Amino acid sequence: MAVKLRLQRFGSNKRPFYRVVASESNRSRDGRFLEILGTYDPLVGKVLVDSEKVSKWMSNGAQPTDTVKSLFKKYNVTGK
């Protein structure tokens, strides 16, 4: 099964808050995940990620989604 690094949405209406998680690609957006890697708060514009966990998952073959890849690039999160 392919593993993806993706965002899970939390928060109330018009107050989004996201978790960056590693999950299987066939799971739903807010479904079961393998590990929590960090958080993203778009209202503040802050990404808090454990870069060791990200690099571990990416070295094991996990692929970040386009949104997560752009967040990592924008906020200088190293995955390798």
N, C-alpha and C. Protein backbone atom coordinates (compact mmCIF):
# COMPACT_ATOMS: atom_id res chain seq x y z
N MET A 1 0.84 -1.18 0.00
CA MET A 1 0.00 0.00 0.00
C MET A 1 0.89 1.24 0.00
N ALA A 2 0.54 2.23 -0.82
CA ALA A 2 1.32 3.46 -0.90
C ALA A 2 0.96 4.37 0.28
N VAL A 3 1.97 5.03 0.80
CA VAL A 3 1.78 5.95 1.93
C VAL A 3 1.92 7.37 1.41
N LYS A 4 1.02 8.25 1.86
CA LYS A 4 1.05 9.65 1.49
C LYS A 4 1.14 10.52 2.74
N LEU A 5 1.82 11.64 2.59
CA LEU A 5 1.84 12.66 3.63
C LEU A 5 0.78 13.67 3.23
N ARG A 6 -0.24 13.81 4.05
CA ARG A 6 -1.38 14.66 3.69
C ARG A 6 -1.88 15.44 4.89
N LEU A 7 -2.86 16.31 4.63
CA LEU A 7 -3.45 17.14 5.67
C LEU A 7 -4.79 16.55 6.11
N GLN A 8 -5.04 16.58 7.40
CA GLN A 8 -6.35 16.24 7.97
C GLN A 8 -6.95 17.52 8.52
N ARG A 9 -8.19 17.81 8.14
CA ARG A 9 -8.82 19.06 8.56
C ARG A 9 -9.50 18.93 9.91
N PHE A 10 -9.24 19.90 10.76
CA PHE A 10 -9.90 20.02 12.05
C PHE A 10 -10.37 21.46 12.19
N GLY A 11 -10.98 21.80 13.30
CA GLY A 11 -11.45 23.15 13.53
C GLY A 11 -12.90 23.29 13.16
N SER A 12 -13.45 24.46 13.43
CA SER A 12 -14.86 24.71 13.16
C SER A 12 -15.00 25.43 11.83
N ASN A 13 -16.22 25.81 11.51
CA ASN A 13 -16.48 26.53 10.26
C ASN A 13 -15.68 27.82 10.21
N LYS A 14 -15.03 28.04 9.12
CA LYS A 14 -14.23 29.24 8.84
C LYS A 14 -13.07 29.43 9.80
N ARG A 15 -12.71 28.40 10.56
CA ARG A 15 -11.55 28.42 11.46
C ARG A 15 -10.77 27.12 11.28
N PRO A 16 -10.19 26.90 10.10
CA PRO A 16 -9.55 25.61 9.84
C PRO A 16 -8.24 25.45 10.61
N PHE A 17 -7.92 24.21 10.85
CA PHE A 17 -6.68 23.81 11.51
C PHE A 17 -6.36 22.42 10.95
N TYR A 18 -5.12 22.18 10.61
CA TYR A 18 -4.78 20.93 9.94
C TYR A 18 -3.68 20.18 10.69
N ARG A 19 -3.74 18.85 10.59
CA ARG A 19 -2.65 17.99 11.02
C ARG A 19 -1.96 17.46 9.78
N VAL A 20 -0.64 17.39 9.81
CA VAL A 20 0.11 16.72 8.76
C VAL A 20 0.30 15.29 9.23
N VAL A 21 -0.22 14.33 8.46
CA VAL A 21 -0.18 12.93 8.86
C VAL A 21 0.36 12.07 7.73
N ALA A 22 0.84 10.89 8.10
CA ALA A 22 1.19 9.85 7.14
C ALA A 22 0.03 8.87 7.15
N SER A 23 -0.55 8.64 5.97
CA SER A 23 -1.68 7.72 5.89
C SER A 23 -1.61 6.94 4.59
N GLU A 24 -2.31 5.82 4.56
CA GLU A 24 -2.37 5.02 3.34
C GLU A 24 -3.18 5.78 2.30
N SER A 25 -2.80 5.62 1.04
CA SER A 25 -3.41 6.43 -0.02
C SER A 25 -4.87 6.11 -0.25
N ASN A 26 -5.33 4.92 0.12
CA ASN A 26 -6.73 4.58 -0.12
C ASN A 26 -7.66 5.00 1.02
N ARG A 27 -7.14 5.58 2.08
CA ARG A 27 -7.96 6.07 3.19
C ARG A 27 -8.54 7.43 2.86
N SER A 28 -9.63 7.79 3.53
CA SER A 28 -10.24 9.10 3.31
C SER A 28 -9.40 10.20 3.96
N ARG A 29 -9.72 11.43 3.63
CA ARG A 29 -8.94 12.57 4.11
C ARG A 29 -8.84 12.61 5.62
N ASP A 30 -9.95 12.44 6.30
CA ASP A 30 -9.97 12.52 7.76
C ASP A 30 -10.05 11.14 8.40
N GLY A 31 -9.71 10.11 7.65
CA GLY A 31 -9.81 8.74 8.15
C GLY A 31 -8.59 8.32 8.95
N ARG A 32 -8.40 7.01 9.04
CA ARG A 32 -7.33 6.44 9.83
C ARG A 32 -5.96 6.84 9.27
N PHE A 33 -5.01 7.08 10.15
CA PHE A 33 -3.67 7.47 9.74
C PHE A 33 -2.64 6.60 10.45
N LEU A 34 -1.41 6.66 9.97
CA LEU A 34 -0.34 5.86 10.55
C LEU A 34 0.42 6.63 11.63
N GLU A 35 0.67 7.91 11.39
CA GLU A 35 1.42 8.71 12.37
C GLU A 35 1.16 10.20 12.14
N ILE A 36 1.11 10.96 13.23
CA ILE A 36 0.99 12.42 13.16
C ILE A 36 2.39 12.99 13.03
N LEU A 37 2.60 13.84 12.02
CA LEU A 37 3.92 14.42 11.78
C LEU A 37 4.01 15.87 12.22
N GLY A 38 2.89 16.56 12.31
CA GLY A 38 2.92 17.95 12.72
C GLY A 38 1.57 18.62 12.52
N THR A 39 1.58 19.95 12.55
CA THR A 39 0.36 20.73 12.41
C THR A 39 0.59 21.90 11.46
N TYR A 40 -0.51 22.41 10.92
CA TYR A 40 -0.48 23.59 10.06
C TYR A 40 -1.67 24.46 10.42
N ASP A 41 -1.41 25.73 10.76
CA ASP A 41 -2.46 26.69 11.08
C ASP A 41 -2.44 27.79 10.01
N PRO A 42 -3.37 27.74 9.05
CA PRO A 42 -3.36 28.74 7.97
C PRO A 42 -3.73 30.14 8.42
N LEU A 43 -4.45 30.28 9.53
CA LEU A 43 -4.83 31.60 10.00
C LEU A 43 -3.64 32.36 10.56
N VAL A 44 -2.71 31.64 11.16
CA VAL A 44 -1.49 32.24 11.68
C VAL A 44 -0.37 32.15 10.65
N GLY A 45 -0.45 31.15 9.79
CA GLY A 45 0.59 30.93 8.78
C GLY A 45 1.79 30.23 9.37
N LYS A 46 1.55 29.19 10.16
CA LYS A 46 2.64 28.51 10.85
C LYS A 46 2.54 27.01 10.63
N VAL A 47 3.68 26.39 10.31
CA VAL A 47 3.77 24.93 10.17
C VAL A 47 4.74 24.43 11.23
N LEU A 48 4.29 23.52 12.07
CA LEU A 48 5.14 22.88 13.06
C LEU A 48 5.20 21.39 12.72
N VAL A 49 6.39 20.94 12.29
CA VAL A 49 6.54 19.57 11.82
C VAL A 49 7.79 18.98 12.43
N ASP A 50 7.72 17.71 12.80
CA ASP A 50 8.89 16.97 13.25
C ASP A 50 9.64 16.49 12.01
N SER A 51 10.72 17.19 11.65
CA SER A 51 11.42 16.90 10.40
C SER A 51 12.09 15.53 10.40
N GLU A 52 12.41 14.99 11.57
CA GLU A 52 12.97 13.64 11.63
C GLU A 52 11.94 12.61 11.18
N LYS A 53 10.70 12.77 11.64
CA LYS A 53 9.63 11.85 11.23
C LYS A 53 9.34 11.99 9.74
N VAL A 54 9.34 13.22 9.24
CA VAL A 54 9.09 13.45 7.82
C VAL A 54 10.18 12.79 6.98
N SER A 55 11.43 12.98 7.36
CA SER A 55 12.52 12.37 6.58
C SER A 55 12.48 10.85 6.67
N LYS A 56 12.06 10.30 7.83
CA LYS A 56 11.94 8.85 7.95
C LYS A 56 10.89 8.31 7.00
N TRP A 57 9.72 8.95 6.96
CA TRP A 57 8.66 8.48 6.08
C TRP A 57 9.02 8.66 4.61
N MET A 58 9.65 9.77 4.27
CA MET A 58 10.01 10.00 2.87
C MET A 58 11.11 9.05 2.42
N SER A 59 12.02 8.69 3.32
CA SER A 59 13.05 7.73 2.95
C SER A 59 12.48 6.33 2.78
N ASN A 60 11.33 6.06 3.44
CA ASN A 60 10.65 4.78 3.29
C ASN A 60 9.71 4.76 2.09
N GLY A 61 9.64 5.85 1.32
CA GLY A 61 8.86 5.86 0.10
C GLY A 61 7.56 6.62 0.15
N ALA A 62 7.27 7.32 1.23
CA ALA A 62 6.02 8.09 1.31
C ALA A 62 6.11 9.30 0.38
N GLN A 63 5.00 9.61 -0.28
CA GLN A 63 4.94 10.73 -1.20
C GLN A 63 4.05 11.83 -0.61
N PRO A 64 4.54 13.07 -0.51
CA PRO A 64 3.68 14.16 -0.03
C PRO A 64 2.69 14.56 -1.12
N THR A 65 1.50 14.96 -0.72
CA THR A 65 0.54 15.48 -1.68
C THR A 65 1.04 16.84 -2.18
N ASP A 66 0.42 17.35 -3.22
CA ASP A 66 0.85 18.63 -3.78
C ASP A 66 0.77 19.76 -2.76
N THR A 67 -0.29 19.76 -1.96
CA THR A 67 -0.46 20.80 -0.96
C THR A 67 0.61 20.72 0.12
N VAL A 68 0.89 19.52 0.59
CA VAL A 68 1.92 19.35 1.63
C VAL A 68 3.29 19.69 1.06
N LYS A 69 3.54 19.31 -0.17
CA LYS A 69 4.83 19.62 -0.81
C LYS A 69 5.02 21.13 -0.91
N SER A 70 3.97 21.88 -1.27
CA SER A 70 4.09 23.33 -1.37
C SER A 70 4.24 23.98 0.00
N LEU A 71 3.59 23.41 1.04
CA LEU A 71 3.77 23.93 2.40
C LEU A 71 5.19 23.72 2.87
N PHE A 72 5.74 22.53 2.62
CA PHE A 72 7.11 22.26 3.02
C PHE A 72 8.08 23.21 2.33
N LYS A 73 7.83 23.48 1.05
CA LYS A 73 8.69 24.38 0.31
C LYS A 73 8.57 25.81 0.81
N LYS A 74 7.32 26.24 1.07
CA LYS A 74 7.06 27.62 1.51
C LYS A 74 7.66 27.90 2.88
N TYR A 75 7.56 26.93 3.80
CA TYR A 75 8.03 27.13 5.16
C TYR A 75 9.36 26.44 5.45
N ASN A 76 10.08 26.04 4.40
CA ASN A 76 11.44 25.49 4.49
C ASN A 76 11.53 24.29 5.43
N VAL A 77 10.63 23.34 5.24
CA VAL A 77 10.67 22.09 5.99
C VAL A 77 11.47 21.09 5.18
N THR A 78 12.51 20.53 5.76
CA THR A 78 13.32 19.57 5.02
C THR A 78 12.79 18.17 5.25
N GLY A 79 12.66 17.44 4.17
CA GLY A 79 12.16 16.09 4.25
C GLY A 79 13.20 15.05 3.93
N LYS A 80 14.40 15.49 3.60
CA LYS A 80 15.45 14.53 3.23
C LYS A 80 16.74 14.83 3.92
